[in-house]
Amino acid sequence: MIRAGALVFFAGAVATLITVAPLFLGTTPFPTFMFGLSMLMGVGFLLAGAGVLRSVAAGRRQARAGR
């Protein structure tokens, strides 16, 4: 889940760079759906965070069972 979140985050980061590039290059902006793809950064961050919290919870359960 953490790896999937990282992949989605980096896909969103690339989409953000591609979306912002025309502003610096002075070309015509990309269509609106590119801004939607930029939101993948936040989705990936949340997905990776949920994976980390799940791993922590599993580790705690395992530690309690080992007592």
C-alpha atoms as a PDB file:
ATOM      1  CA  MET A   1       0.000   0.000   0.000  1.00  0.00           C
ATOM      2  CA  ILE A   2       2.903   2.332   0.722  1.00  0.00           C
ATOM      3  CA  ARG A   3       4.518   1.553  -2.630  1.00  0.00           C
ATOM      4  CA  ALA A   4       1.248   2.119  -4.467  1.00  0.00           C
ATOM      5  CA  GLY A   5       0.862   5.454  -2.680  1.00  0.00           C
ATOM      6  CA  ALA A   6       4.382   6.448  -3.656  1.00  0.00           C
ATOM      7  CA  LEU A   7       3.725   5.579  -7.299  1.00  0.00           C
ATOM      8  CA  VAL A   8       0.484   7.560  -7.354  1.00  0.00           C
ATOM      9  CA  PHE A   9       2.232  10.481  -5.638  1.00  0.00           C
ATOM     10  CA  PHE A  10       5.039  10.563  -8.194  1.00  0.00           C
ATOM     11  CA  ALA A  11       2.549  10.300 -11.062  1.00  0.00           C
ATOM     12  CA  GLY A  12       0.792  13.337  -9.597  1.00  0.00           C
ATOM     13  CA  ALA A  13       4.097  15.140  -9.196  1.00  0.00           C
ATOM     14  CA  VAL A  14       4.940  14.581 -12.858  1.00  0.00           C
ATOM     15  CA  ALA A  15       1.466  15.766 -13.858  1.00  0.00           C
ATOM     16  CA  THR A  16       1.966  18.879 -11.725  1.00  0.00           C
ATOM     17  CA  LEU A  17       5.308  19.639 -13.371  1.00  0.00           C
ATOM     18  CA  ILE A  18       3.796  19.173 -16.805  1.00  0.00           C
ATOM     19  CA  THR A  19       0.847  21.400 -15.885  1.00  0.00           C
ATOM     20  CA  VAL A  20       3.025  24.208 -14.516  1.00  0.00           C
ATOM     21  CA  ALA A  21       5.617  24.102 -17.314  1.00  0.00           C
ATOM     22  CA  PRO A  22       3.580  26.157 -19.832  1.00  0.00           C
ATOM     23  CA  LEU A  23       3.371  29.000 -17.319  1.00  0.00           C
ATOM     24  CA  PHE A  24       7.146  29.320 -17.340  1.00  0.00           C
ATOM     25  CA  LEU A  25       7.611  28.584 -21.030  1.00  0.00           C
ATOM     26  CA  GLY A  26       4.966  31.032 -22.198  1.00  0.00           C
ATOM     27  CA  THR A  27       3.037  28.445 -24.209  1.00  0.00           C
ATOM     28  CA  THR A  28      -0.669  27.654 -24.153  1.00  0.00           C
ATOM     29  CA  PRO A  29      -1.834  25.888 -20.983  1.00  0.00           C
ATOM     30  CA  PHE A  30      -2.835  22.246 -20.945  1.00  0.00           C
ATOM     31  CA  PRO A  31      -6.486  21.162 -20.760  1.00  0.00           C
ATOM     32  CA  THR A  32      -8.347  21.124 -17.459  1.00  0.00           C
ATOM     33  CA  PHE A  33      -8.005  17.363 -16.910  1.00  0.00           C
ATOM     34  CA  MET A  34      -4.276  17.859 -16.292  1.00  0.00           C
ATOM     35  CA  PHE A  35      -5.133  19.884 -13.196  1.00  0.00           C
ATOM     36  CA  GLY A  36      -7.251  16.946 -12.070  1.00  0.00           C
ATOM     37  CA  LEU A  37      -4.296  14.617 -12.555  1.00  0.00           C
ATOM     38  CA  SER A  38      -2.251  16.926 -10.353  1.00  0.00           C
ATOM     39  CA  MET A  39      -4.567  15.980  -7.503  1.00  0.00           C
ATOM     40  CA  LEU A  40      -3.010  12.519  -7.594  1.00  0.00           C
ATOM     41  CA  MET A  41      -0.213  13.912  -5.433  1.00  0.00           C
ATOM     42  CA  GLY A  42      -2.582  14.330  -2.519  1.00  0.00           C
ATOM     43  CA  VAL A  43      -4.263  10.992  -3.143  1.00  0.00           C
ATOM     44  CA  GLY A  44      -0.902   9.229  -3.232  1.00  0.00           C
ATOM     45  CA  PHE A  45       0.197  10.961  -0.048  1.00  0.00           C
ATOM     46  CA  LEU A  46      -2.957   9.844   1.753  1.00  0.00           C
ATOM     47  CA  LEU A  47      -2.629   6.313   0.398  1.00  0.00           C
ATOM     48  CA  ALA A  48       0.982   6.032   1.564  1.00  0.00           C
ATOM     49  CA  GLY A  49       0.071   7.507   4.947  1.00  0.00           C
ATOM     50  CA  ALA A  50      -2.722   4.973   5.359  1.00  0.00           C
ATOM     51  CA  GLY A  51      -0.238   2.211   4.497  1.00  0.00           C
ATOM     52  CA  VAL A  52       2.180   3.450   7.142  1.00  0.00           C
ATOM     53  CA  LEU A  53      -0.557   3.584   9.780  1.00  0.00           C
ATOM     54  CA  ARG A  54      -1.658   0.079   8.817  1.00  0.00           C
ATOM     55  CA  SER A  55       1.911  -1.194   9.159  1.00  0.00           C
ATOM     56  CA  VAL A  56       2.259   0.423  12.566  1.00  0.00           C
ATOM     57  CA  ALA A  57      -1.005  -1.142  13.730  1.00  0.00           C
ATOM     58  CA  ALA A  58       0.081  -4.565  12.477  1.00  0.00           C
ATOM     59  CA  GLY A  59       3.407  -4.205  14.272  1.00  0.00           C
ATOM     60  CA  ARG A  60       1.666  -3.317  17.509  1.00  0.00           C
ATOM     61  CA  ARG A  61      -0.672  -6.289  17.211  1.00  0.00           C
ATOM     62  CA  GLN A  62       2.272  -8.573  16.588  1.00  0.00           C
ATOM     63  CA  ALA A  63       4.159  -7.159  19.571  1.00  0.00           C
ATOM     64  CA  ARG A  64       1.147  -7.689  21.845  1.00  0.00           C
ATOM     65  CA  ALA A  65       0.739 -11.263  20.657  1.00  0.00           C
ATOM     66  CA  GLY A  66       4.409 -11.974  21.388  1.00  0.00           C
ATOM     67  CA  ARG A  67       4.142 -11.047  25.074  1.00  0.00           C
END
